[in-house]
Amino acid sequence: MNNLKIIYLTNNFNSLELAEWLKKYGTVIDIRDRLTLEMVKVEKPDFIISYNYGFIITKDIIDYMDGKIYNLHISYLPWNRGASPNFWSFIDDTPKGVTIHQVDYGLDTGKILFQKKCFFDETKETFMSTYNTLQREIINLFKENWENIINQSYILKEQLGGGSYHKVNDLKEIKKKCPFVWTDNIDQYKKRYNNCVGKN
């Protein structure tokens, strides 16, 4: 299909590469503000893709699109829903990876289309280097499965287990307890963090 209409939601320049790639399949409407049902009804998209988008997609839009809203999330769901998933996967020692899922009424709680686990050597990586790797992995996962997505030839999987969730304020709180920069070595920071919070 080369005549699709896609609404592409993002607030991050890291996501623009994928928006450009999608243009060979049709029209891409790049939206960086809050999406409304009126906007969706005007455009009548085949799909909505959300990737690094900072606004909640409302129930009326979800109902109108009937399962055709997909979010790209750089965590291995159900672990690390919400904000800064890469950072929390190391602090909480939870699985790392990337997930493409349907958008439902919760935050990063929708059924899973595709996901991939990722593994890192924390002694050699920084938070930034792992973030960049996960960005590449989620884009590759999306491209590899694009035909399945547009043909809806996938098996939806429920998110199993409780998983974890973090808010933007959680990161602010941890910075107060134990300041960090994204270029910090992960292993070294975790040792420092454990000292800060008295885990050692």
C-alpha atoms as a PDB file:
ATOM      1  CA  MET A   1       0.000   0.000   0.000  1.00  0.00           C
ATOM      2  CA  ASN A   2       1.382   3.357  -1.050  1.00  0.00           C
ATOM      3  CA  ASN A   3      -1.703   5.507  -0.550  1.00  0.00           C
ATOM      4  CA  LEU A   4      -2.160   5.388   3.201  1.00  0.00           C
ATOM      5  CA  LYS A   5      -2.975   8.364   5.355  1.00  0.00           C
ATOM      6  CA  ILE A   6      -1.164   8.282   8.697  1.00  0.00           C
ATOM      7  CA  ILE A   7      -1.382  10.671  11.625  1.00  0.00           C
ATOM      8  CA  TYR A   8       2.041  10.661  13.271  1.00  0.00           C
ATOM      9  CA  LEU A   9       2.227  11.951  16.840  1.00  0.00           C
ATOM     10  CA  THR A  10       5.559  12.982  18.336  1.00  0.00           C
ATOM     11  CA  ASN A  11       7.262  15.660  20.426  1.00  0.00           C
ATOM     12  CA  ASN A  12      10.827  14.408  19.965  1.00  0.00           C
ATOM     13  CA  PHE A  13      13.269  14.931  17.094  1.00  0.00           C
ATOM     14  CA  ASN A  14      14.481  11.333  17.566  1.00  0.00           C
ATOM     15  CA  SER A  15      11.186  10.174  16.103  1.00  0.00           C
ATOM     16  CA  LEU A  16      11.359  12.156  12.860  1.00  0.00           C
ATOM     17  CA  GLU A  17      13.448   9.551  11.026  1.00  0.00           C
ATOM     18  CA  LEU A  18      10.542   7.131  11.146  1.00  0.00           C
ATOM     19  CA  ALA A  19       8.084   9.803  10.008  1.00  0.00           C
ATOM     20  CA  GLU A  20      10.246  10.377   6.917  1.00  0.00           C
ATOM     21  CA  TRP A  21      10.404   6.630   6.222  1.00  0.00           C
ATOM     22  CA  LEU A  22       6.612   6.354   6.416  1.00  0.00           C
ATOM     23  CA  LYS A  23       6.152   8.974   3.693  1.00  0.00           C
ATOM     24  CA  LYS A  24       6.910   6.417   0.981  1.00  0.00           C
ATOM     25  CA  TYR A  25       3.697   4.646   1.979  1.00  0.00           C
ATOM     26  CA  GLY A  26       1.438   7.656   1.716  1.00  0.00           C
ATOM     27  CA  THR A  27       0.592  10.924   3.414  1.00  0.00           C
ATOM     28  CA  VAL A  28       1.991  11.545   6.885  1.00  0.00           C
ATOM     29  CA  ILE A  29       0.325  14.215   9.005  1.00  0.00           C
ATOM     30  CA  ASP A  30       2.885  15.221  11.626  1.00  0.00           C
ATOM     31  CA  ILE A  31       1.145  16.452  14.778  1.00  0.00           C
ATOM     32  CA  ARG A  32       3.053  17.707  17.807  1.00  0.00           C
ATOM     33  CA  ASP A  33       0.244  19.378  19.714  1.00  0.00           C
ATOM     34  CA  ARG A  34      -2.691  17.789  21.515  1.00  0.00           C
ATOM     35  CA  LEU A  35      -4.738  15.652  19.135  1.00  0.00           C
ATOM     36  CA  THR A  36      -8.508  16.145  19.096  1.00  0.00           C
ATOM     37  CA  LEU A  37     -11.310  14.023  17.695  1.00  0.00           C
ATOM     38  CA  GLU A  38     -12.234  16.866  15.350  1.00  0.00           C
ATOM     39  CA  MET A  39      -8.729  16.758  13.833  1.00  0.00           C
ATOM     40  CA  VAL A  40      -8.987  12.996  13.363  1.00  0.00           C
ATOM     41  CA  LYS A  41     -12.402  13.255  11.701  1.00  0.00           C
ATOM     42  CA  VAL A  42     -11.099  15.860   9.277  1.00  0.00           C
ATOM     43  CA  GLU A  43      -8.049  13.789   8.268  1.00  0.00           C
ATOM     44  CA  LYS A  44      -9.704  10.333   8.374  1.00  0.00           C
ATOM     45  CA  PRO A  45      -6.411   8.469   8.801  1.00  0.00           C
ATOM     46  CA  ASP A  46      -5.918   4.754   8.179  1.00  0.00           C
ATOM     47  CA  PHE A  47      -3.696   4.589  11.258  1.00  0.00           C
ATOM     48  CA  ILE A  48      -2.369   6.758  14.053  1.00  0.00           C
ATOM     49  CA  ILE A  49       1.239   6.181  15.120  1.00  0.00           C
ATOM     50  CA  SER A  50       2.381   7.569  18.476  1.00  0.00           C
ATOM     51  CA  TYR A  51       6.120   7.692  19.151  1.00  0.00           C
ATOM     52  CA  ASN A  52       7.614   9.859  21.911  1.00  0.00           C
ATOM     53  CA  TYR A  53       4.350  11.779  22.185  1.00  0.00           C
ATOM     54  CA  GLY A  54       3.750  13.753  25.351  1.00  0.00           C
ATOM     55  CA  PHE A  55      -0.054  13.998  25.352  1.00  0.00           C
ATOM     56  CA  ILE A  56      -2.691  11.510  26.424  1.00  0.00           C
ATOM     57  CA  ILE A  57      -4.793  10.198  23.530  1.00  0.00           C
ATOM     58  CA  THR A  58      -8.389  10.562  24.657  1.00  0.00           C
ATOM     59  CA  LYS A  59     -11.076   7.883  24.829  1.00  0.00           C
ATOM     60  CA  ASP A  60     -13.185   9.388  22.045  1.00  0.00           C
ATOM     61  CA  ILE A  61     -10.253   9.150  19.615  1.00  0.00           C
ATOM     62  CA  ILE A  62      -9.425   5.593  20.706  1.00  0.00           C
ATOM     63  CA  ASP A  63     -13.049   4.539  20.163  1.00  0.00           C
ATOM     64  CA  TYR A  64     -13.230   6.275  16.782  1.00  0.00           C
ATOM     65  CA  MET A  65     -10.047   4.584  15.480  1.00  0.00           C
ATOM     66  CA  ASP A  66     -11.223   1.131  16.628  1.00  0.00           C
ATOM     67  CA  GLY A  67      -7.835  -0.389  17.461  1.00  0.00           C
ATOM     68  CA  LYS A  68      -5.784   1.361  14.782  1.00  0.00           C
ATOM     69  CA  ILE A  69      -3.667   3.515  17.095  1.00  0.00           C
ATOM     70  CA  TYR A  70      -0.207   2.124  17.781  1.00  0.00           C
ATOM     71  CA  ASN A  71       2.366   3.339  20.275  1.00  0.00           C
ATOM     72  CA  LEU A  72       6.119   2.731  20.131  1.00  0.00           C
ATOM     73  CA  HIS A  73       7.549   2.409  23.633  1.00  0.00           C
ATOM     74  CA  ILE A  74      11.187   1.794  24.554  1.00  0.00           C
ATOM     75  CA  SER A  75      10.543  -0.711  27.308  1.00  0.00           C
ATOM     76  CA  TYR A  76       9.718  -4.392  27.530  1.00  0.00           C
ATOM     77  CA  LEU A  77       6.100  -4.023  28.595  1.00  0.00           C
ATOM     78  CA  PRO A  78       4.507  -4.437  31.070  1.00  0.00           C
ATOM     79  CA  TRP A  79       7.739  -3.229  32.684  1.00  0.00           C
ATOM     80  CA  ASN A  80       8.434   0.491  32.865  1.00  0.00           C
ATOM     81  CA  ARG A  81       5.257   2.012  31.582  1.00  0.00           C
ATOM     82  CA  GLY A  82       5.211   5.779  31.643  1.00  0.00           C
ATOM     83  CA  ALA A  83       8.168   8.157  31.761  1.00  0.00           C
ATOM     84  CA  SER A  84      11.912   7.496  31.332  1.00  0.00           C
ATOM     85  CA  PRO A  85      11.521   3.729  30.842  1.00  0.00           C
ATOM     86  CA  ASN A  86      15.139   3.140  29.899  1.00  0.00           C
ATOM     87  CA  PHE A  87      16.480   4.755  33.071  1.00  0.00           C
ATOM     88  CA  TRP A  88      14.112   2.849  35.357  1.00  0.00           C
ATOM     89  CA  SER A  89      14.855  -0.501  33.755  1.00  0.00           C
ATOM     90  CA  PHE A  90      18.390  -0.220  35.130  1.00  0.00           C
ATOM     91  CA  ILE A  91      17.549   1.300  38.504  1.00  0.00           C
ATOM     92  CA  ASP A  92      14.832  -1.296  39.155  1.00  0.00           C
ATOM     93  CA  ASP A  93      16.702  -4.177  37.453  1.00  0.00           C
ATOM     94  CA  THR A  94      13.746  -5.018  35.233  1.00  0.00           C
ATOM     95  CA  PRO A  95      13.709  -6.455  31.678  1.00  0.00           C
ATOM     96  CA  LYS A  96      14.909  -4.144  28.933  1.00  0.00           C
ATOM     97  CA  GLY A  97      13.550  -3.934  25.419  1.00  0.00           C
ATOM     98  CA  VAL A  98      11.097  -2.291  23.044  1.00  0.00           C
ATOM     99  CA  THR A  99       7.382  -2.771  22.409  1.00  0.00           C
ATOM    100  CA  ILE A 100       4.787  -1.831  19.797  1.00  0.00           C
ATOM    101  CA  HIS A 101       1.317  -1.906  21.323  1.00  0.00           C
ATOM    102  CA  GLN A 102      -2.228  -0.796  20.697  1.00  0.00           C
ATOM    103  CA  VAL A 103      -3.291   2.338  22.513  1.00  0.00           C
ATOM    104  CA  ASP A 104      -6.091   1.747  25.003  1.00  0.00           C
ATOM    105  CA  TYR A 105      -7.556   3.789  27.864  1.00  0.00           C
ATOM    106  CA  GLY A 106      -4.555   3.260  30.181  1.00  0.00           C
ATOM    107  CA  LEU A 107      -0.999   4.548  29.917  1.00  0.00           C
ATOM    108  CA  ASP A 108       1.126   2.022  27.973  1.00  0.00           C
ATOM    109  CA  THR A 109      -1.300  -0.748  28.950  1.00  0.00           C
ATOM    110  CA  GLY A 110      -2.593  -1.775  25.515  1.00  0.00           C
ATOM    111  CA  LYS A 111      -2.304  -5.168  23.871  1.00  0.00           C
ATOM    112  CA  ILE A 112       1.101  -6.004  22.415  1.00  0.00           C
ATOM    113  CA  LEU A 113       1.688  -6.436  18.679  1.00  0.00           C
ATOM    114  CA  PHE A 114       5.445  -6.944  18.706  1.00  0.00           C
ATOM    115  CA  GLN A 115       8.277  -6.664  21.204  1.00  0.00           C
ATOM    116  CA  LYS A 116      11.939  -7.489  21.550  1.00  0.00           C
ATOM    117  CA  LYS A 117      14.196  -7.956  24.559  1.00  0.00           C
ATOM    118  CA  CYS A 118      17.532  -6.119  24.640  1.00  0.00           C
ATOM    119  CA  PHE A 119      20.611  -6.840  26.723  1.00  0.00           C
ATOM    120  CA  PHE A 120      23.343  -4.454  27.838  1.00  0.00           C
ATOM    121  CA  ASP A 121      26.695  -4.591  29.602  1.00  0.00           C
ATOM    122  CA  GLU A 122      26.145  -1.990  32.319  1.00  0.00           C
ATOM    123  CA  THR A 123      29.884  -1.637  32.948  1.00  0.00           C
ATOM    124  CA  LYS A 124      30.352  -0.356  29.381  1.00  0.00           C
ATOM    125  CA  GLU A 125      27.142   1.533  28.707  1.00  0.00           C
ATOM    126  CA  THR A 126      25.735   4.914  29.669  1.00  0.00           C
ATOM    127  CA  PHE A 127      22.068   5.856  30.006  1.00  0.00           C
ATOM    128  CA  MET A 128      22.439   7.788  26.760  1.00  0.00           C
ATOM    129  CA  SER A 129      24.070   4.976  24.794  1.00  0.00           C
ATOM    130  CA  THR A 130      21.387   2.488  25.828  1.00  0.00           C
ATOM    131  CA  TYR A 131      18.665   5.012  25.026  1.00  0.00           C
ATOM    132  CA  ASN A 132      20.092   5.451  21.530  1.00  0.00           C
ATOM    133  CA  THR A 133      20.250   1.691  21.054  1.00  0.00           C
ATOM    134  CA  LEU A 134      16.635   1.281  22.109  1.00  0.00           C
ATOM    135  CA  GLN A 135      15.572   4.022  19.700  1.00  0.00           C
ATOM    136  CA  ARG A 136      17.247   2.130  16.854  1.00  0.00           C
ATOM    137  CA  GLU A 137      15.696  -1.141  17.985  1.00  0.00           C
ATOM    138  CA  ILE A 138      12.140   0.195  18.133  1.00  0.00           C
ATOM    139  CA  ILE A 139      12.450   1.773  14.677  1.00  0.00           C
ATOM    140  CA  ASN A 140      13.854  -1.468  13.257  1.00  0.00           C
ATOM    141  CA  LEU A 141      11.113  -3.519  14.924  1.00  0.00           C
ATOM    142  CA  PHE A 142       8.498  -1.228  13.414  1.00  0.00           C
ATOM    143  CA  LYS A 143       9.977  -1.342   9.913  1.00  0.00           C
ATOM    144  CA  GLU A 144      10.400  -5.129  10.004  1.00  0.00           C
ATOM    145  CA  ASN A 145       6.741  -5.559  10.906  1.00  0.00           C
ATOM    146  CA  TRP A 146       5.196  -2.730   8.940  1.00  0.00           C
ATOM    147  CA  GLU A 147       3.526  -4.998   6.375  1.00  0.00           C
ATOM    148  CA  ASN A 148       1.982  -7.014   9.202  1.00  0.00           C
ATOM    149  CA  ILE A 149       0.780  -3.819  10.865  1.00  0.00           C
ATOM    150  CA  ILE A 150      -0.929  -2.344   7.804  1.00  0.00           C
ATOM    151  CA  ASN A 151      -2.468  -5.721   6.933  1.00  0.00           C
ATOM    152  CA  GLN A 152      -3.375  -6.262  10.593  1.00  0.00           C
ATOM    153  CA  SER A 153      -1.785  -9.715  10.417  1.00  0.00           C
ATOM    154  CA  TYR A 154      -0.629 -10.013  14.000  1.00  0.00           C
ATOM    155  CA  ILE A 155      -1.751 -11.765  17.151  1.00  0.00           C
ATOM    156  CA  LEU A 156      -2.484  -9.348  19.959  1.00  0.00           C
ATOM    157  CA  LYS A 157      -1.112 -10.357  23.345  1.00  0.00           C
ATOM    158  CA  GLU A 158      -2.316  -9.134  26.707  1.00  0.00           C
ATOM    159  CA  GLN A 159       0.277  -7.608  29.004  1.00  0.00           C
ATOM    160  CA  LEU A 160       0.846 -10.228  31.680  1.00  0.00           C
ATOM    161  CA  GLY A 161       1.835  -9.503  35.274  1.00  0.00           C
ATOM    162  CA  GLY A 162       1.864  -6.275  37.209  1.00  0.00           C
ATOM    163  CA  GLY A 163       4.905  -4.746  35.566  1.00  0.00           C
ATOM    164  CA  SER A 164       5.942  -1.266  36.696  1.00  0.00           C
ATOM    165  CA  TYR A 165       5.095   2.381  36.094  1.00  0.00           C
ATOM    166  CA  HIS A 166       6.908   5.672  36.672  1.00  0.00           C
ATOM    167  CA  LYS A 167       5.820   9.299  36.461  1.00  0.00           C
ATOM    168  CA  VAL A 168       7.872  12.301  35.354  1.00  0.00           C
ATOM    169  CA  ASN A 169       8.088  13.406  38.998  1.00  0.00           C
ATOM    170  CA  ASP A 170       9.722  10.093  39.954  1.00  0.00           C
ATOM    171  CA  LEU A 171      12.786  11.079  37.946  1.00  0.00           C
ATOM    172  CA  LYS A 172      12.840  14.528  39.542  1.00  0.00           C
ATOM    173  CA  GLU A 173      12.816  12.919  42.978  1.00  0.00           C
ATOM    174  CA  ILE A 174      15.679  10.578  42.195  1.00  0.00           C
ATOM    175  CA  LYS A 175      17.743  13.496  40.882  1.00  0.00           C
ATOM    176  CA  LYS A 176      17.331  15.175  44.255  1.00  0.00           C
ATOM    177  CA  LYS A 177      18.525  12.069  46.099  1.00  0.00           C
ATOM    178  CA  CYS A 178      21.361  11.204  43.735  1.00  0.00           C
ATOM    179  CA  PRO A 179      22.051  13.601  40.836  1.00  0.00           C
ATOM    180  CA  PHE A 180      23.041  12.142  37.472  1.00  0.00           C
ATOM    181  CA  VAL A 181      23.587  13.052  33.842  1.00  0.00           C
ATOM    182  CA  TRP A 182      22.564  10.874  30.908  1.00  0.00           C
ATOM    183  CA  THR A 183      26.186  10.248  29.983  1.00  0.00           C
ATOM    184  CA  ASP A 184      26.922   8.591  33.350  1.00  0.00           C
ATOM    185  CA  ASN A 185      28.177   5.021  33.212  1.00  0.00           C
ATOM    186  CA  ILE A 186      25.258   2.872  34.379  1.00  0.00           C
ATOM    187  CA  ASP A 187      27.178   0.543  36.661  1.00  0.00           C
ATOM    188  CA  GLN A 188      29.013   3.399  38.372  1.00  0.00           C
ATOM    189  CA  TYR A 189      25.830   5.415  38.850  1.00  0.00           C
ATOM    190  CA  LYS A 190      23.928   2.464  40.313  1.00  0.00           C
ATOM    191  CA  LYS A 191      26.660   1.975  42.916  1.00  0.00           C
ATOM    192  CA  ARG A 192      26.465   5.678  43.752  1.00  0.00           C
ATOM    193  CA  TYR A 193      22.670   5.528  43.875  1.00  0.00           C
ATOM    194  CA  ASN A 194      22.702   2.537  46.220  1.00  0.00           C
ATOM    195  CA  ASN A 195      24.959   4.498  48.566  1.00  0.00           C
ATOM    196  CA  CYS A 196      22.640   7.513  48.378  1.00  0.00           C
ATOM    197  CA  VAL A 197      19.556   5.511  49.331  1.00  0.00           C
ATOM    198  CA  GLY A 198      21.338   3.215  51.792  1.00  0.00           C
ATOM    199  CA  LYS A 199      21.003  -0.034  49.843  1.00  0.00           C
ATOM    200  CA  ASN A 200      24.592  -1.078  50.489  1.00  0.00           C
END
